[in-house]
Amino acid sequence: MIIVLLGFISALFFGGNTAEYYMVDQLDKGIKKCIEDKDTKKKIQFILKSNKKEGKKFLKRKDKKIKELNSLIASTSSTKADFDNFWTDQSAALKTYEHLIFTTRISCLKLMTEEEWKCILTLSEKKATKKVTKSQKSKDVLFFEKTQKAIEKQLLNTAEKDKAFAYLKDFDAKYHKLIGELIKQNEIDSKTIQNYHSSIQDFETIASGIHVHRKNAFDQLSKFHNAMLSICNEKQWKSISKAFIKEFNSINY
């Protein structure tokens, strides 16, 4: 079973679906249907409710950070150091949130039986499969068609236009490659995520590998931004970045 991969890809930089990745999809419905003892069910629901409060704080912060990143991308004065500083801050916040998810999962599973957990996994699998099918279809789609059109319109110099198309093509290709790597990673991770006996250390190992992919993707974004500024003036980049940010946000959030 592949677990909510599409949601994870969509949350690549900001981790909005981190809880679903490690806790499996449809968890609330699974608890209602699969946990037999009423008192146990209430205890688990209380733990999850507390977690959701922290999750809301994290998502509120995420909205603010998305705006910050959009401003970084749109600006012609943003440097690699600016992108690096942004990522350092975001990565630290995400790791803190992940640890909360890990401890929440361990606390919940201690209260349920292994058979009840398997029941929850079965319910989760149906929805997750549909999401994966959609994510696999996206591998054959150019993510940045509107950005390509903006480049065509803004850059009249043929040599500069060709360079911009090459930069965009390279960025797009690496994003598709990233999705392929995440699919492979997910196939490995799912065994640990499904395992009733998995520990916090097991999840931290998974998270460490995913953070490598996140950092690589973010570095490519910074590299693309720097390359485009080498051939665009402020007016041209304002128009091109507007299209790029809109498409970039639709992929990642």
C-alpha atoms as a PDB file:
ATOM      1  CA  MET A   1       0.000   0.000   0.000  1.00  0.00           C
ATOM      2  CA  ILE A   2       1.249   3.478  -0.931  1.00  0.00           C
ATOM      3  CA  ILE A   3       0.228   6.064   1.633  1.00  0.00           C
ATOM      4  CA  VAL A   4      -1.174   9.486   0.613  1.00  0.00           C
ATOM      5  CA  LEU A   5       1.725  10.301  -1.671  1.00  0.00           C
ATOM      6  CA  LEU A   6      -0.042  13.044  -3.606  1.00  0.00           C
ATOM      7  CA  GLY A   7      -0.828  14.939  -0.440  1.00  0.00           C
ATOM      8  CA  PHE A   8       2.794  14.690   0.587  1.00  0.00           C
ATOM      9  CA  ILE A   9       4.067  15.970  -2.761  1.00  0.00           C
ATOM     10  CA  SER A  10       1.649  18.869  -2.505  1.00  0.00           C
ATOM     11  CA  ALA A  11       3.123  19.679   0.884  1.00  0.00           C
ATOM     12  CA  LEU A  12       6.707  19.251  -0.191  1.00  0.00           C
ATOM     13  CA  PHE A  13       8.101  22.499   1.170  1.00  0.00           C
ATOM     14  CA  PHE A  14       5.669  23.219   3.987  1.00  0.00           C
ATOM     15  CA  GLY A  15       4.598  19.822   5.338  1.00  0.00           C
ATOM     16  CA  GLY A  16       0.873  20.552   5.503  1.00  0.00           C
ATOM     17  CA  ASN A  17      -0.003  16.873   5.091  1.00  0.00           C
ATOM     18  CA  THR A  18       2.744  15.481   7.300  1.00  0.00           C
ATOM     19  CA  ALA A  19       0.218  14.100   9.795  1.00  0.00           C
ATOM     20  CA  GLU A  20      -1.549  12.058   7.119  1.00  0.00           C
ATOM     21  CA  TYR A  21       1.743  10.704   5.796  1.00  0.00           C
ATOM     22  CA  TYR A  22       2.791   9.197   9.123  1.00  0.00           C
ATOM     23  CA  MET A  23      -0.640   8.528  10.623  1.00  0.00           C
ATOM     24  CA  VAL A  24      -2.364   7.249   7.415  1.00  0.00           C
ATOM     25  CA  ASP A  25      -5.362   8.773   5.687  1.00  0.00           C
ATOM     26  CA  GLN A  26      -8.962   8.542   6.931  1.00  0.00           C
ATOM     27  CA  LEU A  27      -7.729   8.055  10.506  1.00  0.00           C
ATOM     28  CA  ASP A  28     -10.776   9.602  12.195  1.00  0.00           C
ATOM     29  CA  LYS A  29     -13.161   7.343  10.275  1.00  0.00           C
ATOM     30  CA  GLY A  30     -10.951   4.356  10.975  1.00  0.00           C
ATOM     31  CA  ILE A  31     -10.989   4.991  14.716  1.00  0.00           C
ATOM     32  CA  LYS A  32     -14.771   5.285  14.774  1.00  0.00           C
ATOM     33  CA  LYS A  33     -15.197   2.023  12.888  1.00  0.00           C
ATOM     34  CA  CYS A  34     -12.287  -0.097  14.090  1.00  0.00           C
ATOM     35  CA  ILE A  35     -11.771   0.729  17.792  1.00  0.00           C
ATOM     36  CA  GLU A  36     -14.226  -1.424  19.738  1.00  0.00           C
ATOM     37  CA  ASP A  37     -13.803  -0.180  23.320  1.00  0.00           C
ATOM     38  CA  LYS A  38     -15.581   3.171  23.807  1.00  0.00           C
ATOM     39  CA  ASP A  39     -13.216   4.436  26.508  1.00  0.00           C
ATOM     40  CA  THR A  40     -10.182   3.624  24.374  1.00  0.00           C
ATOM     41  CA  LYS A  41     -11.789   5.363  21.428  1.00  0.00           C
ATOM     42  CA  LYS A  42     -12.331   8.511  23.513  1.00  0.00           C
ATOM     43  CA  LYS A  43      -8.739   8.497  24.774  1.00  0.00           C
ATOM     44  CA  ILE A  44      -7.356   8.239  21.232  1.00  0.00           C
ATOM     45  CA  GLN A  45      -9.696  10.943  19.967  1.00  0.00           C
ATOM     46  CA  PHE A  46      -8.585  13.229  22.819  1.00  0.00           C
ATOM     47  CA  ILE A  47      -4.915  12.747  21.868  1.00  0.00           C
ATOM     48  CA  LEU A  48      -5.675  13.486  18.221  1.00  0.00           C
ATOM     49  CA  LYS A  49      -7.726  16.547  19.143  1.00  0.00           C
ATOM     50  CA  SER A  50      -4.770  17.982  21.057  1.00  0.00           C
ATOM     51  CA  ASN A  51      -2.528  17.269  18.095  1.00  0.00           C
ATOM     52  CA  LYS A  52      -4.930  19.037  15.735  1.00  0.00           C
ATOM     53  CA  LYS A  53      -4.672  22.207  17.811  1.00  0.00           C
ATOM     54  CA  GLU A  54      -0.922  22.252  17.250  1.00  0.00           C
ATOM     55  CA  GLY A  55      -1.509  21.331  13.628  1.00  0.00           C
ATOM     56  CA  LYS A  56      -3.691  24.410  13.151  1.00  0.00           C
ATOM     57  CA  LYS A  57      -0.908  26.593  14.550  1.00  0.00           C
ATOM     58  CA  PHE A  58       1.543  24.986  12.146  1.00  0.00           C
ATOM     59  CA  LEU A  59      -0.791  25.503   9.166  1.00  0.00           C
ATOM     60  CA  LYS A  60      -1.347  29.137  10.153  1.00  0.00           C
ATOM     61  CA  ARG A  61       2.404  29.624  10.141  1.00  0.00           C
ATOM     62  CA  LYS A  62       2.570  27.818   6.797  1.00  0.00           C
ATOM     63  CA  ASP A  63       0.267  30.391   5.163  1.00  0.00           C
ATOM     64  CA  LYS A  64       2.573  33.170   6.327  1.00  0.00           C
ATOM     65  CA  LYS A  65       5.683  31.368   5.064  1.00  0.00           C
ATOM     66  CA  ILE A  66       4.106  30.755   1.643  1.00  0.00           C
ATOM     67  CA  LYS A  67       3.653  34.505   1.246  1.00  0.00           C
ATOM     68  CA  GLU A  68       7.262  35.048   2.300  1.00  0.00           C
ATOM     69  CA  LEU A  69       8.529  32.549  -0.255  1.00  0.00           C
ATOM     70  CA  ASN A  70       6.386  34.076  -2.988  1.00  0.00           C
ATOM     71  CA  SER A  71       7.938  37.456  -2.199  1.00  0.00           C
ATOM     72  CA  LEU A  72      11.417  35.950  -2.364  1.00  0.00           C
ATOM     73  CA  ILE A  73      10.702  34.453  -5.779  1.00  0.00           C
ATOM     74  CA  ALA A  74       9.123  37.655  -7.134  1.00  0.00           C
ATOM     75  CA  SER A  75      11.949  39.904  -5.960  1.00  0.00           C
ATOM     76  CA  THR A  76      14.889  40.716  -8.222  1.00  0.00           C
ATOM     77  CA  SER A  77      17.056  41.445  -5.183  1.00  0.00           C
ATOM     78  CA  SER A  78      16.664  38.059  -3.441  1.00  0.00           C
ATOM     79  CA  THR A  79      19.963  36.221  -3.056  1.00  0.00           C
ATOM     80  CA  LYS A  80      20.916  32.596  -2.534  1.00  0.00           C
ATOM     81  CA  ALA A  81      21.580  33.477   1.107  1.00  0.00           C
ATOM     82  CA  ASP A  82      17.999  34.740   1.433  1.00  0.00           C
ATOM     83  CA  PHE A  83      16.675  31.431   0.109  1.00  0.00           C
ATOM     84  CA  ASP A  84      19.042  29.477   2.370  1.00  0.00           C
ATOM     85  CA  ASN A  85      17.951  31.433   5.453  1.00  0.00           C
ATOM     86  CA  PHE A  86      14.311  30.868   4.590  1.00  0.00           C
ATOM     87  CA  TRP A  87      14.875  27.136   4.233  1.00  0.00           C
ATOM     88  CA  THR A  88      16.834  26.847   7.499  1.00  0.00           C
ATOM     89  CA  ASP A  89      13.944  28.422   9.394  1.00  0.00           C
ATOM     90  CA  GLN A  90      11.268  26.394   7.612  1.00  0.00           C
ATOM     91  CA  SER A  91      13.133  23.123   7.965  1.00  0.00           C
ATOM     92  CA  ALA A  92      13.566  23.587  11.738  1.00  0.00           C
ATOM     93  CA  ALA A  93       9.834  24.291  12.189  1.00  0.00           C
ATOM     94  CA  LEU A  94       8.887  21.284  10.100  1.00  0.00           C
ATOM     95  CA  LYS A  95      11.147  18.945  12.071  1.00  0.00           C
ATOM     96  CA  THR A  96       9.574  20.143  15.327  1.00  0.00           C
ATOM     97  CA  TYR A  97       6.094  19.464  13.941  1.00  0.00           C
ATOM     98  CA  GLU A  98       7.139  16.056  12.653  1.00  0.00           C
ATOM     99  CA  HIS A  99       8.355  15.031  16.099  1.00  0.00           C
ATOM    100  CA  LEU A 100       4.944  15.945  17.509  1.00  0.00           C
ATOM    101  CA  ILE A 101       3.310  13.707  14.888  1.00  0.00           C
ATOM    102  CA  PHE A 102       5.652  10.827  15.759  1.00  0.00           C
ATOM    103  CA  THR A 103       4.935  11.017  19.481  1.00  0.00           C
ATOM    104  CA  THR A 104       1.198  11.338  18.808  1.00  0.00           C
ATOM    105  CA  ARG A 105       1.209   8.237  16.655  1.00  0.00           C
ATOM    106  CA  ILE A 106       3.091   6.190  19.257  1.00  0.00           C
ATOM    107  CA  SER A 107       0.660   7.329  21.974  1.00  0.00           C
ATOM    108  CA  CYS A 108      -2.371   6.388  19.877  1.00  0.00           C
ATOM    109  CA  LEU A 109      -1.103   2.974  18.823  1.00  0.00           C
ATOM    110  CA  LYS A 110      -0.266   2.043  22.404  1.00  0.00           C
ATOM    111  CA  LEU A 111      -3.982   2.295  23.135  1.00  0.00           C
ATOM    112  CA  MET A 112      -5.199   0.098  20.265  1.00  0.00           C
ATOM    113  CA  THR A 113      -4.568  -3.508  19.316  1.00  0.00           C
ATOM    114  CA  GLU A 114      -2.591  -4.579  16.286  1.00  0.00           C
ATOM    115  CA  GLU A 115      -5.789  -5.931  14.695  1.00  0.00           C
ATOM    116  CA  GLU A 116      -7.522  -2.585  15.156  1.00  0.00           C
ATOM    117  CA  TRP A 117      -4.580  -0.859  13.480  1.00  0.00           C
ATOM    118  CA  LYS A 118      -4.799  -3.262  10.537  1.00  0.00           C
ATOM    119  CA  CYS A 119      -8.490  -2.433  10.231  1.00  0.00           C
ATOM    120  CA  ILE A 120      -7.652   1.291  10.029  1.00  0.00           C
ATOM    121  CA  LEU A 121      -5.017   0.600   7.363  1.00  0.00           C
ATOM    122  CA  THR A 122      -7.546  -1.272   5.240  1.00  0.00           C
ATOM    123  CA  LEU A 123      -9.912   1.711   5.260  1.00  0.00           C
ATOM    124  CA  SER A 124      -7.026   4.053   4.467  1.00  0.00           C
ATOM    125  CA  GLU A 125      -5.864   2.084   1.442  1.00  0.00           C
ATOM    126  CA  LYS A 126      -8.872   2.815  -0.782  1.00  0.00           C
ATOM    127  CA  LYS A 127      -8.523   6.597  -0.711  1.00  0.00           C
ATOM    128  CA  ALA A 128      -4.733   6.532  -0.863  1.00  0.00           C
ATOM    129  CA  THR A 129      -4.793   4.414  -4.041  1.00  0.00           C
ATOM    130  CA  LYS A 130      -6.962   6.999  -5.799  1.00  0.00           C
ATOM    131  CA  LYS A 131      -4.560   9.789  -4.835  1.00  0.00           C
ATOM    132  CA  VAL A 132      -1.534   7.870  -6.086  1.00  0.00           C
ATOM    133  CA  THR A 133      -3.233   7.257  -9.439  1.00  0.00           C
ATOM    134  CA  LYS A 134      -3.668  11.011  -9.852  1.00  0.00           C
ATOM    135  CA  SER A 135      -0.058  11.718  -8.866  1.00  0.00           C
ATOM    136  CA  GLN A 136       1.272   9.190 -11.378  1.00  0.00           C
ATOM    137  CA  LYS A 137      -0.750  10.815 -14.161  1.00  0.00           C
ATOM    138  CA  SER A 138       0.836  14.161 -13.320  1.00  0.00           C
ATOM    139  CA  LYS A 139       4.280  12.841 -14.260  1.00  0.00           C
ATOM    140  CA  ASP A 140       3.484  13.336 -17.967  1.00  0.00           C
ATOM    141  CA  VAL A 141       2.293  16.918 -17.600  1.00  0.00           C
ATOM    142  CA  LEU A 142       4.362  20.086 -18.037  1.00  0.00           C
ATOM    143  CA  PHE A 143       3.936  21.878 -14.730  1.00  0.00           C
ATOM    144  CA  PHE A 144       4.723  25.390 -15.995  1.00  0.00           C
ATOM    145  CA  GLU A 145       2.832  25.996 -19.236  1.00  0.00           C
ATOM    146  CA  LYS A 146       1.702  29.510 -18.297  1.00  0.00           C
ATOM    147  CA  THR A 147       5.245  30.398 -17.286  1.00  0.00           C
ATOM    148  CA  GLN A 148       6.422  29.249 -20.694  1.00  0.00           C
ATOM    149  CA  LYS A 149       3.880  31.543 -22.358  1.00  0.00           C
ATOM    150  CA  ALA A 150       4.998  34.454 -20.173  1.00  0.00           C
ATOM    151  CA  ILE A 151       8.604  33.880 -21.244  1.00  0.00           C
ATOM    152  CA  GLU A 152       7.524  33.822 -24.881  1.00  0.00           C
ATOM    153  CA  LYS A 153       5.746  37.137 -24.454  1.00  0.00           C
ATOM    154  CA  GLN A 154       8.299  38.987 -22.327  1.00  0.00           C
ATOM    155  CA  LEU A 155      11.654  37.980 -23.793  1.00  0.00           C
ATOM    156  CA  LEU A 156      12.034  39.242 -27.351  1.00  0.00           C
ATOM    157  CA  ASN A 157      15.724  38.429 -27.672  1.00  0.00           C
ATOM    158  CA  THR A 158      15.917  34.922 -29.172  1.00  0.00           C
ATOM    159  CA  ALA A 159      19.091  33.932 -27.326  1.00  0.00           C
ATOM    160  CA  GLU A 160      17.685  35.042 -23.960  1.00  0.00           C
ATOM    161  CA  LYS A 161      14.371  33.354 -24.669  1.00  0.00           C
ATOM    162  CA  ASP A 162      16.104  30.074 -25.502  1.00  0.00           C
ATOM    163  CA  LYS A 163      18.090  30.266 -22.280  1.00  0.00           C
ATOM    164  CA  ALA A 164      14.932  30.925 -20.259  1.00  0.00           C
ATOM    165  CA  PHE A 165      13.153  27.972 -21.869  1.00  0.00           C
ATOM    166  CA  ALA A 166      16.181  25.789 -21.083  1.00  0.00           C
ATOM    167  CA  TYR A 167      16.205  26.924 -17.434  1.00  0.00           C
ATOM    168  CA  LEU A 168      12.483  26.246 -17.091  1.00  0.00           C
ATOM    169  CA  LYS A 169      12.733  22.875 -18.843  1.00  0.00           C
ATOM    170  CA  ASP A 170      15.561  21.858 -16.527  1.00  0.00           C
ATOM    171  CA  PHE A 171      13.613  22.921 -13.433  1.00  0.00           C
ATOM    172  CA  ASP A 172      10.482  21.140 -14.651  1.00  0.00           C
ATOM    173  CA  ALA A 173      12.409  17.945 -15.469  1.00  0.00           C
ATOM    174  CA  LYS A 174      14.023  17.889 -12.030  1.00  0.00           C
ATOM    175  CA  TYR A 175      10.623  18.352 -10.393  1.00  0.00           C
ATOM    176  CA  HIS A 176       9.248  15.365 -12.299  1.00  0.00           C
ATOM    177  CA  LYS A 177      12.332  13.385 -11.301  1.00  0.00           C
ATOM    178  CA  LEU A 178      11.699  14.358  -7.681  1.00  0.00           C
ATOM    179  CA  ILE A 179       8.176  12.944  -7.870  1.00  0.00           C
ATOM    180  CA  GLY A 180       9.592   9.687  -9.187  1.00  0.00           C
ATOM    181  CA  GLU A 181      12.065   9.570  -6.309  1.00  0.00           C
ATOM    182  CA  LEU A 182       9.296  10.271  -3.804  1.00  0.00           C
ATOM    183  CA  ILE A 183       7.196   7.451  -5.248  1.00  0.00           C
ATOM    184  CA  LYS A 184      10.113   5.058  -4.749  1.00  0.00           C
ATOM    185  CA  GLN A 185      10.734   6.462  -1.276  1.00  0.00           C
ATOM    186  CA  ASN A 186       7.063   6.075  -0.404  1.00  0.00           C
ATOM    187  CA  GLU A 187       7.051   2.415  -1.416  1.00  0.00           C
ATOM    188  CA  ILE A 188       9.860   1.847   1.094  1.00  0.00           C
ATOM    189  CA  ASP A 189       8.393   4.106   3.791  1.00  0.00           C
ATOM    190  CA  SER A 190       4.947   2.507   3.636  1.00  0.00           C
ATOM    191  CA  LYS A 191       6.235  -0.734   5.172  1.00  0.00           C
ATOM    192  CA  THR A 192       7.496   1.140   8.223  1.00  0.00           C
ATOM    193  CA  ILE A 193       4.414   3.373   8.415  1.00  0.00           C
ATOM    194  CA  GLN A 194       2.104   0.365   8.311  1.00  0.00           C
ATOM    195  CA  ASN A 195       4.100  -1.489  10.952  1.00  0.00           C
ATOM    196  CA  TYR A 196       2.310  -1.438  14.298  1.00  0.00           C
ATOM    197  CA  HIS A 197       5.657  -1.767  16.122  1.00  0.00           C
ATOM    198  CA  SER A 198       7.569   1.061  14.366  1.00  0.00           C
ATOM    199  CA  SER A 199       9.358   3.461  16.721  1.00  0.00           C
ATOM    200  CA  ILE A 200      10.048   7.181  16.759  1.00  0.00           C
ATOM    201  CA  GLN A 201      13.581   6.383  15.601  1.00  0.00           C
ATOM    202  CA  ASP A 202      12.148   4.557  12.579  1.00  0.00           C
ATOM    203  CA  PHE A 203      10.083   7.603  11.646  1.00  0.00           C
ATOM    204  CA  GLU A 204      13.008   9.953  12.155  1.00  0.00           C
ATOM    205  CA  THR A 205      14.997   7.862   9.686  1.00  0.00           C
ATOM    206  CA  ILE A 206      12.202   8.246   7.126  1.00  0.00           C
ATOM    207  CA  ALA A 207      11.956  11.988   7.780  1.00  0.00           C
ATOM    208  CA  SER A 208      15.693  12.413   7.342  1.00  0.00           C
ATOM    209  CA  GLY A 209      15.536  10.910   3.850  1.00  0.00           C
ATOM    210  CA  ILE A 210      12.552  13.052   2.898  1.00  0.00           C
ATOM    211  CA  HIS A 211      14.315  16.200   4.118  1.00  0.00           C
ATOM    212  CA  VAL A 212      17.120  15.473   1.656  1.00  0.00           C
ATOM    213  CA  HIS A 213      14.570  15.499  -1.175  1.00  0.00           C
ATOM    214  CA  ARG A 214      13.004  18.678   0.189  1.00  0.00           C
ATOM    215  CA  LYS A 215      16.371  20.446   0.381  1.00  0.00           C
ATOM    216  CA  ASN A 216      17.314  19.340  -3.134  1.00  0.00           C
ATOM    217  CA  ALA A 217      14.017  20.648  -4.505  1.00  0.00           C
ATOM    218  CA  PHE A 218      14.437  23.963  -2.695  1.00  0.00           C
ATOM    219  CA  ASP A 219      18.008  24.339  -3.981  1.00  0.00           C
ATOM    220  CA  GLN A 220      16.703  23.858  -7.529  1.00  0.00           C
ATOM    221  CA  LEU A 221      14.167  26.629  -6.955  1.00  0.00           C
ATOM    222  CA  SER A 222      16.899  28.999  -5.771  1.00  0.00           C
ATOM    223  CA  LYS A 223      19.087  28.032  -8.729  1.00  0.00           C
ATOM    224  CA  PHE A 224      16.230  28.625 -11.205  1.00  0.00           C
ATOM    225  CA  HIS A 225      15.502  32.039  -9.670  1.00  0.00           C
ATOM    226  CA  ASN A 226      19.148  33.095  -9.924  1.00  0.00           C
ATOM    227  CA  ALA A 227      19.453  31.860 -13.530  1.00  0.00           C
ATOM    228  CA  MET A 228      16.330  33.693 -14.667  1.00  0.00           C
ATOM    229  CA  LEU A 229      17.480  36.963 -13.104  1.00  0.00           C
ATOM    230  CA  SER A 230      20.656  36.743 -15.172  1.00  0.00           C
ATOM    231  CA  ILE A 231      18.602  37.298 -18.341  1.00  0.00           C
ATOM    232  CA  CYS A 232      15.486  39.182 -17.155  1.00  0.00           C
ATOM    233  CA  ASN A 233      15.073  42.815 -16.222  1.00  0.00           C
ATOM    234  CA  GLU A 234      12.771  43.789 -13.368  1.00  0.00           C
ATOM    235  CA  LYS A 235       9.721  44.334 -15.590  1.00  0.00           C
ATOM    236  CA  GLN A 236      10.179  41.031 -17.426  1.00  0.00           C
ATOM    237  CA  TRP A 237      10.661  39.036 -14.232  1.00  0.00           C
ATOM    238  CA  LYS A 238       7.645  40.665 -12.628  1.00  0.00           C
ATOM    239  CA  SER A 239       5.426  39.237 -15.371  1.00  0.00           C
ATOM    240  CA  ILE A 240       7.182  35.863 -15.653  1.00  0.00           C
ATOM    241  CA  SER A 241       7.411  35.317 -11.893  1.00  0.00           C
ATOM    242  CA  LYS A 242       3.707  36.085 -11.495  1.00  0.00           C
ATOM    243  CA  ALA A 243       2.858  33.164 -13.789  1.00  0.00           C
ATOM    244  CA  PHE A 244       5.539  30.951 -12.245  1.00  0.00           C
ATOM    245  CA  ILE A 245       4.444  31.589  -8.639  1.00  0.00           C
ATOM    246  CA  LYS A 246       0.826  30.804  -9.477  1.00  0.00           C
ATOM    247  CA  GLU A 247       1.764  27.466 -11.048  1.00  0.00           C
ATOM    248  CA  PHE A 248       4.382  26.685  -8.401  1.00  0.00           C
ATOM    249  CA  ASN A 249       1.812  27.246  -5.643  1.00  0.00           C
ATOM    250  CA  SER A 250      -0.741  25.013  -7.368  1.00  0.00           C
ATOM    251  CA  ILE A 251       1.791  22.162  -7.353  1.00  0.00           C
ATOM    252  CA  ASN A 252       3.136  22.567  -3.849  1.00  0.00           C
ATOM    253  CA  TYR A 253       0.271  23.728  -1.692  1.00  0.00           C
END
